[in-house]
Each structure stands twice: as C-alpha cells, then as structure tokens.
PDB file of N, CA and C in Angstrom:
ATOM      1  N   MET A   1      20.168 127.975  74.685  1.00  0.00           N
ATOM      2  CA  MET A   1      21.129 126.962  75.074  1.00  0.00           C
ATOM      3  C   MET A   1      21.047 126.722  76.576  1.00  0.00           C
ATOM      4  N   THR A   2      21.074 125.484  76.925  1.00  0.00           N
ATOM      5  CA  THR A   2      21.060 125.183  78.344  1.00  0.00           C
ATOM      6  C   THR A   2      22.487 125.146  78.881  1.00  0.00           C
ATOM      7  N   ALA A   3      22.616 125.496  80.118  1.00  0.00           N
ATOM      8  CA  ALA A   3      23.932 125.506  80.757  1.00  0.00           C
ATOM      9  C   ALA A   3      24.517 124.095  80.820  1.00  0.00           C
ATOM     10  N   LYS A   4      23.639 123.102  80.968  1.00  0.00           N
ATOM     11  CA  LYS A   4      24.096 121.706  81.047  1.00  0.00           C
ATOM     12  C   LYS A   4      24.805 121.298  79.764  1.00  0.00           C
ATOM     13  N   ASN A   5      24.227 121.649  78.615  1.00  0.00           N
ATOM     14  CA  ASN A   5      24.829 121.278  77.336  1.00  0.00           C
ATOM     15  C   ASN A   5      26.120 122.045  77.076  1.00  0.00           C
ATOM     16  N   LYS A   6      26.151 123.309  77.475  1.00  0.00           N
ATOM     17  CA  LYS A   6      27.374 124.093  77.318  1.00  0.00           C
ATOM     18  C   LYS A   6      28.483 123.517  78.191  1.00  0.00           C
ATOM     19  N   LYS A   7      28.120 123.076  79.379  1.00  0.00           N
ATOM     20  CA  LYS A   7      29.111 122.505  80.290  1.00  0.00           C
ATOM     21  C   LYS A   7      29.662 121.184  79.749  1.00  0.00           C
ATOM     22  N   LYS A   8      28.764 120.339  79.200  1.00  0.00           N
ATOM     23  CA  LYS A   8      29.217 119.065  78.617  1.00  0.00           C
ATOM     24  C   LYS A   8      30.163 119.299  77.442  1.00  0.00           C
ATOM     25  N   ALA A   9      29.822 120.261  76.578  1.00  0.00           N
ATOM     26  CA  ALA A   9      30.669 120.564  75.421  1.00  0.00           C
ATOM     27  C   ALA A   9      32.012 121.133  75.864  1.00  0.00           C
ATOM     28  N   ARG A  10      31.993 122.011  76.871  1.00  0.00           N
ATOM     29  CA  ARG A  10      33.240 122.579  77.394  1.00  0.00           C
ATOM     30  C   ARG A  10      34.126 121.483  77.963  1.00  0.00           C
ATOM     31  N   GLN A  11      33.511 120.521  78.663  1.00  0.00           N
ATOM     32  CA  GLN A  11      34.269 119.411  79.239  1.00  0.00           C
ATOM     33  C   GLN A  11      34.936 118.577  78.140  1.00  0.00           C
ATOM     34  N   LYS A  12      34.194 118.293  77.061  1.00  0.00           N
ATOM     35  CA  LYS A  12      34.778 117.532  75.940  1.00  0.00           C
ATOM     36  C   LYS A  12      35.949 118.288  75.332  1.00  0.00           C
ATOM     37  N   ARG A  13      35.779 119.609  75.177  1.00  0.00           N
ATOM     38  CA  ARG A  13      36.853 120.431  74.615  1.00  0.00           C
ATOM     39  C   ARG A  13      38.097 120.370  75.500  1.00  0.00           C
ATOM     40  N   LEU A  14      37.910 120.522  76.801  1.00  0.00           N
ATOM     41  CA  LEU A  14      39.049 120.501  77.709  1.00  0.00           C
ATOM     42  C   LEU A  14      39.724 119.134  77.746  1.00  0.00           C
ATOM     43  N   GLU A  15      38.932 118.065  77.634  1.00  0.00           N
ATOM     44  CA  GLU A  15      39.513 116.719  77.577  1.00  0.00           C
ATOM     45  C   GLU A  15      40.404 116.563  76.348  1.00  0.00           C
ATOM     46  N   LEU A  16      39.897 117.013  75.194  1.00  0.00           N
ATOM     47  CA  LEU A  16      40.703 116.939  73.973  1.00  0.00           C
ATOM     48  C   LEU A  16      41.957 117.798  74.087  1.00  0.00           C
ATOM     49  N   GLN A  17      41.784 118.997  74.601  1.00  0.00           N
ATOM     50  CA  GLN A  17      42.897 119.929  74.718  1.00  0.00           C
ATOM     51  C   GLN A  17      43.998 119.357  75.612  1.00  0.00           C
ATOM     52  N   LYS A  18      43.594 118.737  76.702  1.00  0.00           N
ATOM     53  CA  LYS A  18      44.572 118.162  77.628  1.00  0.00           C
ATOM     54  C   LYS A  18      45.201 116.889  77.056  1.00  0.00           C
ATOM     55  N   ALA A  19      44.382 116.010  76.506  1.00  0.00           N
ATOM     56  CA  ALA A  19      44.882 114.718  76.018  1.00  0.00           C
ATOM     57  C   ALA A  19      45.873 114.880  74.869  1.00  0.00           C
ATOM     58  N   TYR A  20      45.660 115.874  74.026  1.00  0.00           N
ATOM     59  CA  TYR A  20      46.514 116.052  72.855  1.00  0.00           C
ATOM     60  C   TYR A  20      47.395 117.293  72.947  1.00  0.00           C
ATOM     61  N   ALA A  21      47.441 117.944  74.101  1.00  0.00           N
ATOM     62  CA  ALA A  21      48.296 119.107  74.346  1.00  0.00           C
ATOM     63  C   ALA A  21      48.134 120.164  73.251  1.00  0.00           C
ATOM     64  N   ILE A  22      46.894 120.570  73.008  1.00  0.00           N
ATOM     65  CA  ILE A  22      46.610 121.568  71.973  1.00  0.00           C
ATOM     66  C   ILE A  22      46.732 122.948  72.613  1.00  0.00           C
ATOM     67  N   THR A  23      47.751 123.701  72.185  1.00  0.00           N
ATOM     68  CA  THR A  23      47.996 125.011  72.771  1.00  0.00           C
ATOM     69  C   THR A  23      48.146 126.115  71.725  1.00  0.00           C
ATOM     70  N   ASP A  24      48.288 125.758  70.468  1.00  0.00           N
ATOM     71  CA  ASP A  24      48.491 126.775  69.436  1.00  0.00           C
ATOM     72  C   ASP A  24      47.186 127.498  69.097  1.00  0.00           C
ATOM     73  N   GLU A  25      47.310 128.667  68.495  1.00  0.00           N
ATOM     74  CA  GLU A  25      46.137 129.495  68.201  1.00  0.00           C
ATOM     75  C   GLU A  25      45.185 128.815  67.216  1.00  0.00           C
ATOM     76  N   GLY A  26      45.740 128.188  66.180  1.00  0.00           N
ATOM     77  CA  GLY A  26      44.893 127.490  65.210  1.00  0.00           C
ATOM     78  C   GLY A  26      44.112 126.361  65.847  1.00  0.00           C
ATOM     79  N   GLY A  27      44.775 125.594  66.705  1.00  0.00           N
ATOM     80  CA  GLY A  27      44.100 124.509  67.413  1.00  0.00           C
ATOM     81  C   GLY A  27      43.011 125.024  68.340  1.00  0.00           C
ATOM     82  N   GLU A  28      43.287 126.151  68.993  1.00  0.00           N
ATOM     83  CA  GLU A  28      42.283 126.769  69.871  1.00  0.00           C
ATOM     84  C   GLU A  28      41.057 127.199  69.076  1.00  0.00           C
ATOM     85  N   ASN A  29      41.279 127.764  67.891  1.00  0.00           N
ATOM     86  CA  ASN A  29      40.150 128.189  67.052  1.00  0.00           C
ATOM     87  C   ASN A  29      39.311 127.003  66.605  1.00  0.00           C
ATOM     88  N   ILE A  30      39.974 125.935  66.212  1.00  0.00           N
ATOM     89  CA  ILE A  30      39.247 124.739  65.780  1.00  0.00           C
ATOM     90  C   ILE A  30      38.485 124.130  66.956  1.00  0.00           C
ATOM     91  N   LEU A  31      39.088 124.133  68.144  1.00  0.00           N
ATOM     92  CA  LEU A  31      38.392 123.623  69.322  1.00  0.00           C
ATOM     93  C   LEU A  31      37.187 124.488  69.674  1.00  0.00           C
ATOM     94  N   SER A  32      37.272 125.759  69.407  1.00  0.00           N
ATOM     95  CA  SER A  32      36.133 126.646  69.638  1.00  0.00           C
ATOM     96  C   SER A  32      34.967 126.279  68.718  1.00  0.00           C
ATOM     97  N   VAL A  33      35.277 126.016  67.450  1.00  0.00           N
ATOM     98  CA  VAL A  33      34.249 125.577  66.498  1.00  0.00           C
ATOM     99  C   VAL A  33      33.689 124.225  66.930  1.00  0.00           C
ATOM    100  N   PHE A  34      34.568 123.330  67.365  1.00  0.00           N
ATOM    101  CA  PHE A  34      34.167 122.016  67.856  1.00  0.00           C
ATOM    102  C   PHE A  34      33.180 122.149  69.009  1.00  0.00           C
ATOM    103  N   GLU A  35      33.512 122.994  69.969  1.00  0.00           N
ATOM    104  CA  GLU A  35      32.652 123.179  71.142  1.00  0.00           C
ATOM    105  C   GLU A  35      31.290 123.750  70.757  1.00  0.00           C
ATOM    106  N   SER A  36      31.296 124.741  69.881  1.00  0.00           N
ATOM    107  CA  SER A  36      30.040 125.356  69.439  1.00  0.00           C
ATOM    108  C   SER A  36      29.159 124.347  68.709  1.00  0.00           C
ATOM    109  N   ALA A  37      29.753 123.569  67.825  1.00  0.00           N
ATOM    110  CA  ALA A  37      28.991 122.557  67.091  1.00  0.00           C
ATOM    111  C   ALA A  37      28.472 121.477  68.029  1.00  0.00           C
ATOM    112  N   LEU A  38      29.258 121.134  69.025  1.00  0.00           N
ATOM    113  CA  LEU A  38      28.843 120.109  69.973  1.00  0.00           C
ATOM    114  C   LEU A  38      27.660 120.581  70.818  1.00  0.00           C
ATOM    115  N   VAL A  39      27.636 121.857  71.185  1.00  0.00           N
ATOM    116  CA  VAL A  39      26.479 122.407  71.903  1.00  0.00           C
ATOM    117  C   VAL A  39      25.232 122.283  71.032  1.00  0.00           C
ATOM    118  N   THR A  40      25.377 122.599  69.741  1.00  0.00           N
ATOM    119  CA  THR A  40      24.242 122.484  68.822  1.00  0.00           C
ATOM    120  C   THR A  40      23.771 121.036  68.723  1.00  0.00           C
ATOM    121  N   VAL A  41      24.702 120.102  68.650  1.00  0.00           N
ATOM    122  CA  VAL A  41      24.346 118.682  68.610  1.00  0.00           C
ATOM    123  C   VAL A  41      23.555 118.304  69.856  1.00  0.00           C
ATOM    124  N   TYR A  42      24.046 118.687  71.013  1.00  0.00           N
ATOM    125  CA  TYR A  42      23.362 118.347  72.264  1.00  0.00           C
ATOM    126  C   TYR A  42      21.963 118.972  72.329  1.00  0.00           C
ATOM    127  N   GLU A  43      21.849 120.228  71.911  1.00  0.00           N
ATOM    128  CA  GLU A  43      20.552 120.907  71.940  1.00  0.00           C
ATOM    129  C   GLU A  43      19.552 120.219  70.997  1.00  0.00           C
ATOM    130  N   CYS A  44      20.008 119.902  69.797  1.00  0.00           N
ATOM    131  CA  CYS A  44      19.127 119.236  68.829  1.00  0.00           C
ATOM    132  C   CYS A  44      18.733 117.849  69.312  1.00  0.00           C
ATOM    133  N   GLU A  45      19.685 117.113  69.867  1.00  0.00           N
ATOM    134  CA  GLU A  45      19.373 115.782  70.381  1.00  0.00           C
ATOM    135  C   GLU A  45      18.331 115.857  71.486  1.00  0.00           C
ATOM    136  N   ASP A  46      18.457 116.852  72.356  1.00  0.00           N
ATOM    137  CA  ASP A  46      17.467 117.014  73.428  1.00  0.00           C
ATOM    138  C   ASP A  46      16.076 117.280  72.856  1.00  0.00           C
ATOM    139  N   ALA A  47      16.004 118.180  71.866  1.00  0.00           N
ATOM    140  CA  ALA A  47      14.708 118.530  71.272  1.00  0.00           C
ATOM    141  C   ALA A  47      14.093 117.345  70.539  1.00  0.00           C
ATOM    142  N   VAL A  48      14.918 116.619  69.780  1.00  0.00           N
ATOM    143  CA  VAL A  48      14.407 115.469  69.022  1.00  0.00           C
ATOM    144  C   VAL A  48      13.995 114.352  69.972  1.00  0.00           C
ATOM    145  N   THR A  49      14.731 114.167  71.044  1.00  0.00           N
ATOM    146  CA  THR A  49      14.356 113.157  72.035  1.00  0.00           C
ATOM    147  C   THR A  49      13.022 113.516  72.681  1.00  0.00           C
ATOM    148  N   LYS A  50      12.836 114.787  72.979  1.00  0.00           N
ATOM    149  CA  LYS A  50      11.594 115.250  73.614  1.00  0.00           C
ATOM    150  C   LYS A  50      10.402 115.153  72.658  1.00  0.00           C
ATOM    151  N   ASP A  51      10.588 115.622  71.400  1.00  0.00           N
ATOM    152  CA  ASP A  51       9.481 115.710  70.446  1.00  0.00           C
ATOM    153  C   ASP A  51       9.281 114.450  69.606  1.00  0.00           C
ATOM    154  N   GLY A  52      10.316 113.647  69.456  1.00  0.00           N
ATOM    155  CA  GLY A  52      10.253 112.471  68.597  1.00  0.00           C
ATOM    156  C   GLY A  52      10.833 112.769  67.222  1.00  0.00           C
ATOM    157  N   LEU A  53      11.115 111.722  66.477  1.00  0.00           N
ATOM    158  CA  LEU A  53      11.702 111.885  65.143  1.00  0.00           C
ATOM    159  C   LEU A  53      10.725 112.499  64.147  1.00  0.00           C
ATOM    160  N   LYS A  54       9.443 112.303  64.409  1.00  0.00           N
ATOM    161  CA  LYS A  54       8.413 112.846  63.510  1.00  0.00           C
ATOM    162  C   LYS A  54       7.506 113.775  64.287  1.00  0.00           C
ATOM    163  N   VAL A  55       7.095 114.840  63.615  1.00  0.00           N
ATOM    164  CA  VAL A  55       6.169 115.804  64.216  1.00  0.00           C
ATOM    165  C   VAL A  55       4.998 116.012  63.269  1.00  0.00           C
ATOM    166  N   THR A  56       3.919 116.524  63.810  1.00  0.00           N
ATOM    167  CA  THR A  56       2.739 116.798  63.001  1.00  0.00           C
ATOM    168  C   THR A  56       2.685 118.291  62.713  1.00  0.00           C
ATOM    169  N   ASP A  57       2.545 118.651  61.426  1.00  0.00           N
ATOM    170  CA  ASP A  57       2.491 120.072  61.077  1.00  0.00           C
ATOM    171  C   ASP A  57       1.085 120.624  61.317  1.00  0.00           C
ATOM    172  N   ARG A  58       0.877 121.880  60.972  1.00  0.00           N
ATOM    173  CA  ARG A  58      -0.410 122.524  61.273  1.00  0.00           C
ATOM    174  C   ARG A  58      -1.576 121.958  60.477  1.00  0.00           C
ATOM    175  N   TRP A  59      -1.287 121.217  59.406  1.00  0.00           N
ATOM    176  CA  TRP A  59      -2.354 120.595  58.611  1.00  0.00           C
ATOM    177  C   TRP A  59      -2.565 119.131  58.972  1.00  0.00           C
ATOM    178  N   GLY A  60      -1.851 118.679  60.012  1.00  0.00           N
ATOM    179  CA  GLY A  60      -2.025 117.306  60.465  1.00  0.00           C
ATOM    180  C   GLY A  60      -1.158 116.295  59.735  1.00  0.00           C
ATOM    181  N   GLN A  61      -0.252 116.764  58.911  1.00  0.00           N
ATOM    182  CA  GLN A  61       0.649 115.863  58.193  1.00  0.00           C
ATOM    183  C   GLN A  61       1.854 115.511  59.064  1.00  0.00           C
ATOM    184  N   VAL A  62       2.236 114.246  59.025  1.00  0.00           N
ATOM    185  CA  VAL A  62       3.411 113.811  59.773  1.00  0.00           C
ATOM    186  C   VAL A  62       4.656 114.114  58.942  1.00  0.00           C
ATOM    187  N   LYS A  63       5.593 114.814  59.564  1.00  0.00           N
ATOM    188  CA  LYS A  63       6.831 115.231  58.884  1.00  0.00           C
ATOM    189  C   LYS A  63       8.021 114.866  59.761  1.00  0.00           C
ATOM    190  N   PRO A  64       9.183 114.727  59.135  1.00  0.00           N
ATOM    191  CA  PRO A  64      10.394 114.544  59.948  1.00  0.00           C
ATOM    192  C   PRO A  64      10.621 115.787  60.810  1.00  0.00           C
ATOM    193  N   HIS A  65      11.207 115.599  61.950  1.00  0.00           N
ATOM    194  CA  HIS A  65      11.479 116.718  62.851  1.00  0.00           C
ATOM    195  C   HIS A  65      12.330 117.753  62.110  1.00  0.00           C
ATOM    196  N   PRO A  66      11.969 119.037  62.193  1.00  0.00           N
ATOM    197  CA  PRO A  66      12.703 120.059  61.448  1.00  0.00           C
ATOM    198  C   PRO A  66      14.150 120.266  61.908  1.00  0.00           C
ATOM    199  N   LEU A  67      14.499 119.774  63.081  1.00  0.00           N
ATOM    200  CA  LEU A  67      15.882 119.918  63.545  1.00  0.00           C
ATOM    201  C   LEU A  67      16.801 118.792  63.080  1.00  0.00           C
ATOM    202  N   LEU A  68      16.267 117.785  62.419  1.00  0.00           N
ATOM    203  CA  LEU A  68      17.112 116.672  61.964  1.00  0.00           C
ATOM    204  C   LEU A  68      18.217 117.124  61.002  1.00  0.00           C
ATOM    205  N   PRO A  69      17.928 117.994  60.019  1.00  0.00           N
ATOM    206  CA  PRO A  69      19.033 118.471  59.166  1.00  0.00           C
ATOM    207  C   PRO A  69      20.058 119.313  59.944  1.00  0.00           C
ATOM    208  N   VAL A  70      19.588 120.070  60.920  1.00  0.00           N
ATOM    209  CA  VAL A  70      20.514 120.859  61.742  1.00  0.00           C
ATOM    210  C   VAL A  70      21.409 119.923  62.548  1.00  0.00           C
ATOM    211  N   LEU A  71      20.831 118.875  63.101  1.00  0.00           N
ATOM    212  CA  LEU A  71      21.588 117.880  63.861  1.00  0.00           C
ATOM    213  C   LEU A  71      22.624 117.208  62.972  1.00  0.00           C
ATOM    214  N   ARG A  72      22.214 116.805  61.778  1.00  0.00           N
ATOM    215  CA  ARG A  72      23.141 116.173  60.833  1.00  0.00           C
ATOM    216  C   ARG A  72      24.316 117.097  60.514  1.00  0.00           C
ATOM    217  N   ASP A  73      24.015 118.356  60.209  1.00  0.00           N
ATOM    218  CA  ASP A  73      25.069 119.305  59.852  1.00  0.00           C
ATOM    219  C   ASP A  73      25.991 119.611  61.034  1.00  0.00           C
ATOM    220  N   ALA A  74      25.432 119.694  62.239  1.00  0.00           N
ATOM    221  CA  ALA A  74      26.253 119.948  63.419  1.00  0.00           C
ATOM    222  C   ALA A  74      27.178 118.769  63.698  1.00  0.00           C
ATOM    223  N   ARG A  75      26.664 117.558  63.527  1.00  0.00           N
ATOM    224  CA  ARG A  75      27.521 116.375  63.700  1.00  0.00           C
ATOM    225  C   ARG A  75      28.636 116.367  62.665  1.00  0.00           C
ATOM    226  N   ALA A  76      28.314 116.745  61.438  1.00  0.00           N
ATOM    227  CA  ALA A  76      29.342 116.816  60.390  1.00  0.00           C
ATOM    228  C   ALA A  76      30.401 117.856  60.751  1.00  0.00           C
ATOM    229  N   GLN A  77      29.975 118.968  61.345  1.00  0.00           N
ATOM    230  CA  GLN A  77      30.925 120.006  61.752  1.00  0.00           C
ATOM    231  C   GLN A  77      31.827 119.524  62.878  1.00  0.00           C
ATOM    232  N   VAL A  78      31.272 118.758  63.813  1.00  0.00           N
ATOM    233  CA  VAL A  78      32.085 118.188  64.887  1.00  0.00           C
ATOM    234  C   VAL A  78      33.151 117.276  64.289  1.00  0.00           C
ATOM    235  N   LEU A  79      32.738 116.401  63.380  1.00  0.00           N
ATOM    236  CA  LEU A  79      33.695 115.491  62.764  1.00  0.00           C
ATOM    237  C   LEU A  79      34.726 116.231  61.917  1.00  0.00           C
ATOM    238  N   ALA A  80      34.292 117.263  61.206  1.00  0.00           N
ATOM    239  CA  ALA A  80      35.224 118.050  60.381  1.00  0.00           C
ATOM    240  C   ALA A  80      36.241 118.773  61.250  1.00  0.00           C
ATOM    241  N   SER A  81      35.807 119.280  62.391  1.00  0.00           N
ATOM    242  CA  SER A  81      36.753 119.973  63.258  1.00  0.00           C
ATOM    243  C   SER A  81      37.752 118.989  63.870  1.00  0.00           C
ATOM    244  N   LEU A  82      37.299 117.790  64.213  1.00  0.00           N
ATOM    245  CA  LEU A  82      38.224 116.776  64.707  1.00  0.00           C
ATOM    246  C   LEU A  82      39.229 116.385  63.626  1.00  0.00           C
ATOM    247  N   LYS A  83      38.749 116.267  62.412  1.00  0.00           N
ATOM    248  CA  LYS A  83      39.637 115.940  61.296  1.00  0.00           C
ATOM    249  C   LYS A  83      40.638 117.065  61.057  1.00  0.00           C
ATOM    250  N   ALA A  84      40.180 118.315  61.172  1.00  0.00           N
ATOM    251  CA  ALA A  84      41.060 119.466  60.954  1.00  0.00           C
ATOM    252  C   ALA A  84      42.162 119.537  62.006  1.00  0.00           C
ATOM    253  N   LEU A  85      41.901 119.005  63.188  1.00  0.00           N
ATOM    254  CA  LEU A  85      42.935 118.996  64.224  1.00  0.00           C
ATOM    255  C   LEU A  85      44.045 117.998  63.905  1.00  0.00           C
ATOM    256  N   ASN A  86      43.763 117.065  62.998  1.00  0.00           N
ATOM    257  CA  ASN A  86      44.762 116.080  62.559  1.00  0.00           C
ATOM    258  C   ASN A  86      45.341 115.320  63.757  1.00  0.00           C
ATOM    259  N   LEU A  87      44.456 114.814  64.595  1.00  0.00           N
ATOM    260  CA  LEU A  87      44.872 114.134  65.806  1.00  0.00           C
ATOM    261  C   LEU A  87      45.357 112.724  65.512  1.00  0.00           C
ATOM    262  N   ASP A  88      46.313 112.285  66.300  1.00  0.00           N
ATOM    263  CA  ASP A  88      46.761 110.908  66.247  1.00  0.00           C
ATOM    264  C   ASP A  88      45.700 110.061  66.945  1.00  0.00           C
ATOM    265  N   LEU A  89      45.710 108.770  66.696  1.00  0.00           N
ATOM    266  CA  LEU A  89      44.684 107.923  67.296  1.00  0.00           C
ATOM    267  C   LEU A  89      44.809 107.821  68.805  1.00  0.00           C
ATOM    268  N   GLU A  90      46.022 107.907  69.321  1.00  0.00           N
ATOM    269  CA  GLU A  90      46.219 107.802  70.757  1.00  0.00           C
ATOM    270  C   GLU A  90      46.644 109.143  71.315  1.00  0.00           C
ATOM    271  N   PRO A  91      46.117 109.503  72.472  1.00  0.00           N
ATOM    272  CA  PRO A  91      46.546 110.745  73.113  1.00  0.00           C
ATOM    273  C   PRO A  91      48.016 110.664  73.517  1.00  0.00           C
ATOM    274  N   LEU A  92      48.589 111.793  73.854  1.00  0.00           N
ATOM    275  CA  LEU A  92      49.980 111.829  74.285  1.00  0.00           C
ATOM    276  C   LEU A  92      50.153 111.029  75.559  1.00  0.00           C
ATOM    277  N   LYS A  93      51.268 110.314  75.627  1.00  0.00           N
ATOM    278  CA  LYS A  93      51.596 109.541  76.816  1.00  0.00           C
ATOM    279  C   LYS A  93      53.007 109.893  77.226  1.00  0.00           C
ATOM    280  N   SER A  94      53.373 109.474  78.417  1.00  0.00           N
ATOM    281  CA  SER A  94      54.728 109.750  78.869  1.00  0.00           C
ATOM    282  C   SER A  94      55.722 108.985  78.008  1.00  0.00           C
ATOM    283  N   VAL A  95      56.898 109.567  77.870  1.00  0.00           N
ATOM    284  CA  VAL A  95      57.941 108.980  77.039  1.00  0.00           C
ATOM    285  C   VAL A  95      58.780 108.052  77.886  1.00  0.00           C
ATOM    286  N   GLY A  96      59.222 106.966  77.305  1.00  0.00           N
ATOM    287  CA  GLY A  96      60.117 106.060  78.017  1.00  0.00           C
ATOM    288  C   GLY A  96      59.548 104.666  78.123  1.00  0.00           C
ATOM    289  N   ARG A  97      60.323 103.858  78.817  1.00  0.00           N
ATOM    290  CA  ARG A  97      59.918 102.473  78.990  1.00  0.00           C
ATOM    291  C   ARG A  97      58.792 102.363  80.007  1.00  0.00           C
ATOM    292  N   PRO A  98      58.010 101.287  79.893  1.00  0.00           N
ATOM    293  CA  PRO A  98      56.952 101.074  80.888  1.00  0.00           C
ATOM    294  C   PRO A  98      57.559 100.872  82.271  1.00  0.00           C
ATOM    295  N   GLY A  99      56.755 101.019  83.292  1.00  0.00           N
ATOM    296  CA  GLY A  99      57.218 100.836  84.666  1.00  0.00           C
ATOM    297  C   GLY A  99      57.630  99.402  84.927  1.00  0.00           C
ATOM    298  N   LEU A 100      58.197  99.184  86.064  1.00  0.00           N
ATOM    299  CA  LEU A 100      58.745  97.885  86.433  1.00  0.00           C
ATOM    300  C   LEU A 100      57.698  96.781  86.402  1.00  0.00           C
ATOM    301  N   TYR A 101      56.488  97.053  86.870  1.00  0.00           N
ATOM    302  CA  TYR A 101      55.471  96.014  86.986  1.00  0.00           C
ATOM    303  C   TYR A 101      54.435  96.051  85.860  1.00  0.00           C
ATOM    304  N   GLU A 102      54.622  96.896  84.886  1.00  0.00           N
ATOM    305  CA  GLU A 102      53.692  96.975  83.765  1.00  0.00           C
ATOM    306  C   GLU A 102      54.159  96.036  82.667  1.00  0.00           C
ATOM    307  N   SER A 103      53.252  95.207  82.174  1.00  0.00           N
ATOM    308  CA  SER A 103      53.623  94.327  81.075  1.00  0.00           C
ATOM    309  C   SER A 103      53.143  94.932  79.768  1.00  0.00           C
ATOM    310  N   GLU A 104      53.762  94.565  78.671  1.00  0.00           N
ATOM    311  CA  GLU A 104      53.386  95.093  77.361  1.00  0.00           C
ATOM    312  C   GLU A 104      52.077  94.487  76.879  1.00  0.00           C
ATOM    313  N   ASP A 105      51.643  93.359  77.468  1.00  0.00           N
ATOM    314  CA  ASP A 105      50.408  92.697  77.040  1.00  0.00           C
ATOM    315  C   ASP A 105      49.170  93.378  77.589  1.00  0.00           C
ATOM    316  N   ASP A 106      49.275  94.225  78.617  1.00  0.00           N
ATOM    317  CA  ASP A 106      48.099  94.865  79.243  1.00  0.00           C
ATOM    318  C   ASP A 106      47.471  95.874  78.363  1.00  0.00           C
TER     319      ASP A 106
END
C-alpha cells in the first residue's frame, strides 16, 4: 500500500465523519471498513491504470487484468459500508433560519 492512497482514504473517512457527525462505535467500525476498502480501490485503480485493462499471460494470450474482480468487489464494499451507515442525503447543517442576506433560492 502506498502512503498516498492511505492518506486519500483517511481524508475521505474524516470528511464523512465530520460531515455526518459519526461518533458511535458502530459507525466507527463501518468507517474503518470503508477506509480499508477505499485503499484497496485506489491501489487497484493505480495498478489497472499502469498496466491497462488487458494483460498478456505467459502463453501470450490477452486476458482481463486480474485485479478487475478485486476492484469490483472493493467498490461494492465501499458502497455497502456507505449504505450501512444509513446516511441522509445532506450532511448536517446548522439549525435555524438562514442568515439575513441568504436567500432560499441560492
């Protein structure tokens, strides 16, 4: 795992945690799974981007990249963890009326 991909995944986790105020133990566990799956997604995407969607095996046959199923499953895990968090479509916002100069049309 590269540090760059771990850092990107950690940043996404912290953004979600802050935006939706996730502080409970269950939410933390799901975010941990989310972060781990996201690192796998980033790693697979890097490898597939570098090698291409198709690779040649030892007999010269063109085959789909062997990490494509891993990438698919990791993406499914990211989506499943987001679904398990049962997030609302909009992050938490301050309660109350809009400010004096804010219009509802913006």
